[in-house]
Amino acid sequence: MQTPPATAPATPLCDTLKQRGEWNPAWDPFYQLDPDWTEKFMAMGVAPMLRGVLDAKTIEFIAIAVDASCTHLYAPGVRRHIRKALELGATAEEITAVLQLTSVLGIHTMSLGAPLLQEALADAARPAAP
């Protein structure tokens, strides 16, 4: 087992996220285990935003979609990104459209489950083999 380094690595991005209130407390355990890895992970996550390819409002729309998705459901992020999108001039209609588009992700539950239910019902309706 390796001993932790005597001095903690510099984590300026993580520190900035914490100072801005953009830090998710769920990240604390992996930050505590490996601050250097966490810093690199966070840098990878924000790189698309820093490149300037997409405008700030579009980035906020994408962040709303990710945080509101049925696989994430992270309310603090949704709130933060909705506020930021509104500050950038987004309308309620635009944000509603983002949420409506994101809600379609949940349809896969029915796309997968309904045919399987039909298959099981058909199997159950068949007479038992003698």
N, C-alpha and C. Protein backbone atom coordinates (compact mmCIF):
# COMPACT_ATOMS: atom_id res chain seq x y z
N MET A 1 0.84 -1.17 0.00
CA MET A 1 0.00 0.00 0.00
C MET A 1 0.89 1.24 0.00
N GLN A 2 0.57 2.16 -0.89
CA GLN A 2 1.36 3.39 -0.98
C GLN A 2 0.91 4.39 0.07
N THR A 3 1.86 5.14 0.56
CA THR A 3 1.51 6.22 1.49
C THR A 3 1.20 7.47 0.68
N PRO A 4 0.25 8.27 1.16
CA PRO A 4 -0.08 9.50 0.41
C PRO A 4 1.11 10.45 0.39
N PRO A 5 1.19 11.29 -0.64
CA PRO A 5 2.29 12.26 -0.71
C PRO A 5 2.26 13.20 0.50
N ALA A 6 3.45 13.68 0.88
CA ALA A 6 3.57 14.56 2.04
C ALA A 6 2.81 15.86 1.83
N THR A 7 2.80 16.35 0.60
CA THR A 7 2.06 17.58 0.30
C THR A 7 0.99 17.26 -0.73
N ALA A 8 -0.14 17.84 -0.54
CA ALA A 8 -1.26 17.62 -1.46
C ALA A 8 -0.96 18.33 -2.78
N PRO A 9 -1.37 17.72 -3.89
CA PRO A 9 -1.15 18.38 -5.19
C PRO A 9 -2.02 19.63 -5.32
N ALA A 10 -1.58 20.53 -6.14
CA ALA A 10 -2.37 21.73 -6.41
C ALA A 10 -3.62 21.36 -7.18
N THR A 11 -4.74 21.91 -6.76
CA THR A 11 -6.01 21.64 -7.45
C THR A 11 -6.75 22.96 -7.67
N PRO A 12 -6.21 23.84 -8.51
CA PRO A 12 -6.81 25.17 -8.68
C PRO A 12 -8.23 25.13 -9.25
N LEU A 13 -8.51 24.21 -10.15
CA LEU A 13 -9.86 24.15 -10.72
C LEU A 13 -10.86 23.68 -9.67
N CYS A 14 -10.52 22.63 -8.95
CA CYS A 14 -11.41 22.15 -7.88
C CYS A 14 -11.62 23.24 -6.85
N ASP A 15 -10.55 23.94 -6.49
CA ASP A 15 -10.66 25.02 -5.52
C ASP A 15 -11.60 26.12 -6.02
N THR A 16 -11.48 26.46 -7.30
CA THR A 16 -12.35 27.49 -7.89
C THR A 16 -13.80 27.05 -7.88
N LEU A 17 -14.05 25.79 -8.25
CA LEU A 17 -15.42 25.27 -8.24
C LEU A 17 -16.02 25.34 -6.84
N LYS A 18 -15.21 25.01 -5.85
CA LYS A 18 -15.68 25.07 -4.46
C LYS A 18 -16.00 26.52 -4.06
N GLN A 19 -15.11 27.45 -4.42
CA GLN A 19 -15.31 28.86 -4.06
C GLN A 19 -16.55 29.44 -4.73
N ARG A 20 -16.84 29.01 -5.94
CA ARG A 20 -18.00 29.53 -6.68
C ARG A 20 -19.30 28.86 -6.28
N GLY A 21 -19.24 27.85 -5.44
CA GLY A 21 -20.44 27.11 -5.06
C GLY A 21 -20.89 26.15 -6.13
N GLU A 22 -19.98 25.78 -7.04
CA GLU A 22 -20.30 24.87 -8.13
C GLU A 22 -19.77 23.46 -7.86
N TRP A 23 -19.36 23.20 -6.64
CA TRP A 23 -18.80 21.91 -6.26
C TRP A 23 -19.91 21.02 -5.76
N ASN A 24 -19.96 19.79 -6.23
CA ASN A 24 -20.93 18.80 -5.78
C ASN A 24 -20.32 18.05 -4.60
N PRO A 25 -20.95 18.10 -3.42
CA PRO A 25 -20.38 17.39 -2.27
C PRO A 25 -20.19 15.89 -2.50
N ALA A 26 -20.90 15.33 -3.46
CA ALA A 26 -20.72 13.90 -3.79
C ALA A 26 -19.33 13.64 -4.37
N TRP A 27 -18.64 14.69 -4.81
CA TRP A 27 -17.29 14.54 -5.36
C TRP A 27 -16.24 14.48 -4.26
N ASP A 28 -16.59 14.84 -3.02
CA ASP A 28 -15.62 14.88 -1.93
C ASP A 28 -14.88 13.56 -1.72
N PRO A 29 -15.57 12.41 -1.71
CA PRO A 29 -14.82 11.17 -1.45
C PRO A 29 -13.72 10.89 -2.46
N PHE A 30 -14.00 11.07 -3.75
CA PHE A 30 -12.92 10.79 -4.70
C PHE A 30 -11.89 11.90 -4.74
N TYR A 31 -12.28 13.12 -4.37
CA TYR A 31 -11.29 14.19 -4.23
C TYR A 31 -10.34 13.86 -3.07
N GLN A 32 -10.90 13.38 -1.97
CA GLN A 32 -10.07 13.04 -0.81
C GLN A 32 -9.14 11.87 -1.11
N LEU A 33 -9.62 10.90 -1.89
CA LEU A 33 -8.78 9.74 -2.23
C LEU A 33 -7.69 10.09 -3.24
N ASP A 34 -8.03 10.96 -4.21
CA ASP A 34 -7.05 11.28 -5.25
C ASP A 34 -7.33 12.67 -5.83
N PRO A 35 -6.87 13.72 -5.15
CA PRO A 35 -7.12 15.08 -5.61
C PRO A 35 -6.56 15.36 -7.00
N ASP A 36 -5.41 14.76 -7.33
CA ASP A 36 -4.80 14.99 -8.64
C ASP A 36 -5.70 14.44 -9.75
N TRP A 37 -6.21 13.21 -9.57
CA TRP A 37 -7.12 12.62 -10.56
C TRP A 37 -8.38 13.46 -10.69
N THR A 38 -8.92 13.91 -9.55
CA THR A 38 -10.14 14.72 -9.57
C THR A 38 -9.92 16.02 -10.32
N GLU A 39 -8.77 16.64 -10.10
CA GLU A 39 -8.44 17.88 -10.82
C GLU A 39 -8.41 17.63 -12.33
N LYS A 40 -7.81 16.54 -12.75
CA LYS A 40 -7.74 16.21 -14.18
C LYS A 40 -9.13 15.90 -14.74
N PHE A 41 -9.93 15.19 -13.96
CA PHE A 41 -11.29 14.86 -14.40
C PHE A 41 -12.12 16.13 -14.59
N MET A 42 -12.02 17.05 -13.62
CA MET A 42 -12.76 18.30 -13.72
C MET A 42 -12.28 19.12 -14.91
N ALA A 43 -10.98 19.13 -15.15
CA ALA A 43 -10.43 19.87 -16.29
C ALA A 43 -10.97 19.30 -17.61
N MET A 44 -11.08 17.97 -17.67
CA MET A 44 -11.65 17.34 -18.87
C MET A 44 -13.11 17.76 -19.04
N GLY A 45 -13.84 17.82 -17.93
CA GLY A 45 -15.26 18.17 -17.99
C GLY A 45 -15.54 19.59 -18.43
N VAL A 46 -14.68 20.51 -18.07
CA VAL A 46 -14.93 21.91 -18.42
C VAL A 46 -14.24 22.33 -19.72
N ALA A 47 -13.39 21.48 -20.26
CA ALA A 47 -12.66 21.84 -21.49
C ALA A 47 -13.58 22.28 -22.63
N PRO A 48 -14.67 21.56 -22.90
CA PRO A 48 -15.54 22.01 -24.00
C PRO A 48 -16.09 23.41 -23.78
N MET A 49 -16.33 23.78 -22.54
CA MET A 49 -16.86 25.11 -22.23
C MET A 49 -15.80 26.18 -22.43
N LEU A 50 -14.56 25.84 -22.19
CA LEU A 50 -13.49 26.83 -22.28
C LEU A 50 -13.00 27.04 -23.70
N ARG A 51 -13.29 26.11 -24.60
CA ARG A 51 -12.79 26.23 -25.98
C ARG A 51 -13.50 27.31 -26.78
N GLY A 52 -14.70 27.68 -26.37
CA GLY A 52 -15.41 28.75 -27.06
C GLY A 52 -16.11 28.33 -28.34
N VAL A 53 -16.22 27.04 -28.59
CA VAL A 53 -16.89 26.56 -29.80
C VAL A 53 -18.39 26.81 -29.72
N LEU A 54 -18.95 26.59 -28.53
CA LEU A 54 -20.38 26.83 -28.32
C LEU A 54 -20.55 28.10 -27.50
N ASP A 55 -21.62 28.82 -27.77
CA ASP A 55 -21.87 30.03 -26.99
C ASP A 55 -22.32 29.63 -25.58
N ALA A 56 -22.20 30.56 -24.65
CA ALA A 56 -22.46 30.29 -23.23
C ALA A 56 -23.88 29.81 -22.98
N LYS A 57 -24.86 30.38 -23.68
CA LYS A 57 -26.24 29.98 -23.46
C LYS A 57 -26.47 28.54 -23.90
N THR A 58 -25.89 28.14 -25.01
CA THR A 58 -26.02 26.76 -25.48
C THR A 58 -25.38 25.79 -24.49
N ILE A 59 -24.24 26.17 -23.94
CA ILE A 59 -23.59 25.34 -22.93
C ILE A 59 -24.50 25.17 -21.72
N GLU A 60 -25.16 26.25 -21.31
CA GLU A 60 -26.08 26.14 -20.17
C GLU A 60 -27.26 25.24 -20.50
N PHE A 61 -27.76 25.31 -21.74
CA PHE A 61 -28.86 24.41 -22.14
C PHE A 61 -28.41 22.94 -22.05
N ILE A 62 -27.22 22.67 -22.52
CA ILE A 62 -26.71 21.29 -22.46
C ILE A 62 -26.53 20.86 -21.00
N ALA A 63 -26.02 21.75 -20.18
CA ALA A 63 -25.84 21.43 -18.76
C ALA A 63 -27.18 21.17 -18.07
N ILE A 64 -28.19 21.95 -18.42
CA ILE A 64 -29.54 21.70 -17.89
C ILE A 64 -29.99 20.30 -18.29
N ALA A 65 -29.82 19.98 -19.57
CA ALA A 65 -30.26 18.67 -20.06
C ALA A 65 -29.54 17.53 -19.35
N VAL A 66 -28.24 17.66 -19.18
CA VAL A 66 -27.47 16.60 -18.51
C VAL A 66 -27.92 16.45 -17.06
N ASP A 67 -28.01 17.57 -16.34
CA ASP A 67 -28.37 17.49 -14.93
C ASP A 67 -29.82 17.07 -14.70
N ALA A 68 -30.71 17.38 -15.63
CA ALA A 68 -32.13 17.02 -15.48
C ALA A 68 -32.44 15.63 -16.05
N SER A 69 -31.50 15.03 -16.75
CA SER A 69 -31.77 13.73 -17.39
C SER A 69 -32.14 12.67 -16.37
N CYS A 70 -32.90 11.70 -16.82
CA CYS A 70 -33.39 10.64 -15.94
C CYS A 70 -32.25 9.80 -15.37
N THR A 71 -31.09 9.88 -15.97
CA THR A 71 -29.95 9.12 -15.45
C THR A 71 -29.10 9.94 -14.49
N HIS A 72 -29.43 11.21 -14.31
CA HIS A 72 -28.63 12.08 -13.45
C HIS A 72 -29.47 12.69 -12.32
N LEU A 73 -30.53 13.40 -12.68
CA LEU A 73 -31.46 13.99 -11.71
C LEU A 73 -30.75 14.77 -10.60
N TYR A 74 -29.91 15.71 -11.01
CA TYR A 74 -29.13 16.50 -10.06
C TYR A 74 -29.74 17.90 -9.95
N ALA A 75 -30.67 18.08 -9.01
CA ALA A 75 -31.42 19.32 -8.87
C ALA A 75 -30.54 20.55 -8.63
N PRO A 76 -29.50 20.49 -7.78
CA PRO A 76 -28.69 21.70 -7.60
C PRO A 76 -28.06 22.19 -8.90
N GLY A 77 -27.62 21.27 -9.75
CA GLY A 77 -27.06 21.67 -11.04
C GLY A 77 -28.12 22.24 -11.96
N VAL A 78 -29.30 21.64 -11.98
CA VAL A 78 -30.38 22.16 -12.82
C VAL A 78 -30.70 23.60 -12.40
N ARG A 79 -30.84 23.81 -11.10
CA ARG A 79 -31.12 25.17 -10.61
C ARG A 79 -30.03 26.15 -11.04
N ARG A 80 -28.79 25.78 -10.81
CA ARG A 80 -27.66 26.66 -11.13
C ARG A 80 -27.63 26.99 -12.62
N HIS A 81 -27.82 25.99 -13.47
CA HIS A 81 -27.73 26.22 -14.91
C HIS A 81 -28.95 26.94 -15.45
N ILE A 82 -30.12 26.74 -14.85
CA ILE A 82 -31.30 27.52 -15.26
C ILE A 82 -31.07 28.99 -14.93
N ARG A 83 -30.58 29.26 -13.72
CA ARG A 83 -30.31 30.65 -13.35
C ARG A 83 -29.31 31.30 -14.30
N LYS A 84 -28.25 30.58 -14.61
CA LYS A 84 -27.22 31.11 -15.50
C LYS A 84 -27.79 31.33 -16.90
N ALA A 85 -28.59 30.38 -17.39
CA ALA A 85 -29.20 30.53 -18.72
C ALA A 85 -30.10 31.77 -18.76
N LEU A 86 -30.88 31.99 -17.71
CA LEU A 86 -31.74 33.17 -17.65
C LEU A 86 -30.90 34.44 -17.65
N GLU A 87 -29.79 34.44 -16.89
CA GLU A 87 -28.89 35.59 -16.87
C GLU A 87 -28.32 35.88 -18.26
N LEU A 88 -28.15 34.83 -19.06
CA LEU A 88 -27.59 34.97 -20.41
C LEU A 88 -28.66 35.29 -21.45
N GLY A 89 -29.92 35.48 -21.00
CA GLY A 89 -30.98 35.88 -21.91
C GLY A 89 -31.89 34.77 -22.38
N ALA A 90 -31.76 33.58 -21.83
CA ALA A 90 -32.65 32.49 -22.24
C ALA A 90 -34.07 32.81 -21.80
N THR A 91 -35.01 32.32 -22.57
CA THR A 91 -36.43 32.50 -22.23
C THR A 91 -36.95 31.25 -21.52
N ALA A 92 -38.07 31.41 -20.85
CA ALA A 92 -38.71 30.26 -20.21
C ALA A 92 -39.07 29.22 -21.26
N GLU A 93 -39.47 29.67 -22.44
CA GLU A 93 -39.84 28.75 -23.51
C GLU A 93 -38.64 27.92 -23.98
N GLU A 94 -37.48 28.56 -24.08
CA GLU A 94 -36.28 27.83 -24.49
C GLU A 94 -35.90 26.77 -23.45
N ILE A 95 -35.92 27.15 -22.19
CA ILE A 95 -35.56 26.21 -21.14
C ILE A 95 -36.59 25.09 -21.06
N THR A 96 -37.86 25.42 -21.22
CA THR A 96 -38.90 24.39 -21.24
C THR A 96 -38.66 23.41 -22.38
N ALA A 97 -38.28 23.91 -23.54
CA ALA A 97 -37.98 23.04 -24.68
C ALA A 97 -36.83 22.10 -24.37
N VAL A 98 -35.80 22.60 -23.70
CA VAL A 98 -34.67 21.75 -23.30
C VAL A 98 -35.17 20.63 -22.39
N LEU A 99 -35.98 20.99 -21.39
CA LEU A 99 -36.51 19.99 -20.48
C LEU A 99 -37.41 18.98 -21.19
N GLN A 100 -38.21 19.47 -22.13
CA GLN A 100 -39.08 18.56 -22.89
C GLN A 100 -38.26 17.60 -23.74
N LEU A 101 -37.23 18.10 -24.40
CA LEU A 101 -36.37 17.23 -25.20
C LEU A 101 -35.67 16.19 -24.33
N THR A 102 -35.23 16.63 -23.16
CA THR A 102 -34.53 15.72 -22.24
C THR A 102 -35.46 14.65 -21.71
N SER A 103 -36.72 14.99 -21.51
CA SER A 103 -37.66 14.02 -20.95
C SER A 103 -37.84 12.81 -21.86
N VAL A 104 -37.52 12.95 -23.13
CA VAL A 104 -37.65 11.85 -24.08
C VAL A 104 -36.71 10.70 -23.72
N LEU A 105 -35.63 10.99 -22.98
CA LEU A 105 -34.72 9.92 -22.57
C LEU A 105 -35.45 8.82 -21.82
N GLY A 106 -36.45 9.20 -21.05
CA GLY A 106 -37.19 8.22 -20.26
C GLY A 106 -38.05 7.27 -21.07
N ILE A 107 -38.30 7.59 -22.32
CA ILE A 107 -39.16 6.74 -23.16
C ILE A 107 -38.54 5.37 -23.39
N HIS A 108 -37.23 5.27 -23.22
CA HIS A 108 -36.56 4.00 -23.47
C HIS A 108 -37.01 2.92 -22.50
N THR A 109 -37.47 3.32 -21.33
CA THR A 109 -38.01 2.36 -20.39
C THR A 109 -39.18 1.63 -21.02
N MET A 110 -40.07 2.38 -21.66
CA MET A 110 -41.23 1.77 -22.32
C MET A 110 -40.82 1.06 -23.60
N SER A 111 -39.89 1.63 -24.33
CA SER A 111 -39.43 0.99 -25.58
C SER A 111 -38.86 -0.39 -25.31
N LEU A 112 -38.17 -0.54 -24.21
CA LEU A 112 -37.61 -1.83 -23.83
C LEU A 112 -38.65 -2.70 -23.13
N GLY A 113 -39.32 -2.12 -22.16
CA GLY A 113 -40.21 -2.90 -21.30
C GLY A 113 -41.51 -3.36 -21.94
N ALA A 114 -42.16 -2.53 -22.75
CA ALA A 114 -43.46 -2.89 -23.31
C ALA A 114 -43.38 -4.14 -24.19
N PRO A 115 -42.42 -4.25 -25.13
CA PRO A 115 -42.34 -5.48 -25.92
C PRO A 115 -42.03 -6.72 -25.07
N LEU A 116 -41.22 -6.54 -24.03
CA LEU A 116 -40.92 -7.67 -23.15
C LEU A 116 -42.15 -8.10 -22.37
N LEU A 117 -42.97 -7.14 -21.96
CA LEU A 117 -44.23 -7.47 -21.30
C LEU A 117 -45.15 -8.21 -22.26
N GLN A 118 -45.25 -7.72 -23.48
CA GLN A 118 -46.09 -8.41 -24.48
C GLN A 118 -45.60 -9.83 -24.71
N GLU A 119 -44.31 -10.02 -24.79
CA GLU A 119 -43.72 -11.35 -24.98
C GLU A 119 -44.07 -12.26 -23.80
N ALA A 120 -43.94 -11.74 -22.58
CA ALA A 120 -44.25 -12.54 -21.39
C ALA A 120 -45.73 -12.88 -21.33
N LEU A 121 -46.59 -11.92 -21.68
CA LEU A 121 -48.03 -12.19 -21.68
C LEU A 121 -48.39 -13.25 -22.71
N ALA A 122 -47.76 -13.16 -23.88
CA ALA A 122 -48.01 -14.17 -24.92
C ALA A 122 -47.54 -15.55 -24.46
N ASP A 123 -46.39 -15.61 -23.81
CA ASP A 123 -45.89 -16.89 -23.29
C ASP A 123 -46.83 -17.45 -22.22
N ALA A 124 -47.32 -16.57 -21.36
CA ALA A 124 -48.22 -17.02 -20.28
C ALA A 124 -49.55 -17.50 -20.82
N ALA A 125 -49.97 -16.98 -21.97
CA ALA A 125 -51.27 -17.34 -22.56
C ALA A 125 -51.21 -18.68 -23.30
N ARG A 126 -50.02 -19.12 -23.67
CA ARG A 126 -49.89 -20.39 -24.39
C ARG A 126 -50.22 -21.55 -23.44
N PRO A 127 -50.89 -22.55 -23.98
CA PRO A 127 -51.17 -23.72 -23.13
C PRO A 127 -49.88 -24.43 -22.78
N ALA A 128 -49.84 -24.97 -21.59
CA ALA A 128 -48.65 -25.70 -21.13
C ALA A 128 -48.48 -26.96 -21.96
N ALA A 129 -47.25 -27.28 -22.28
CA ALA A 129 -46.97 -28.51 -23.05
C ALA A 129 -47.25 -29.73 -22.18
N PRO A 130 -47.91 -30.76 -22.78
CA PRO A 130 -48.23 -31.96 -21.98
C PRO A 130 -47.04 -32.78 -21.64
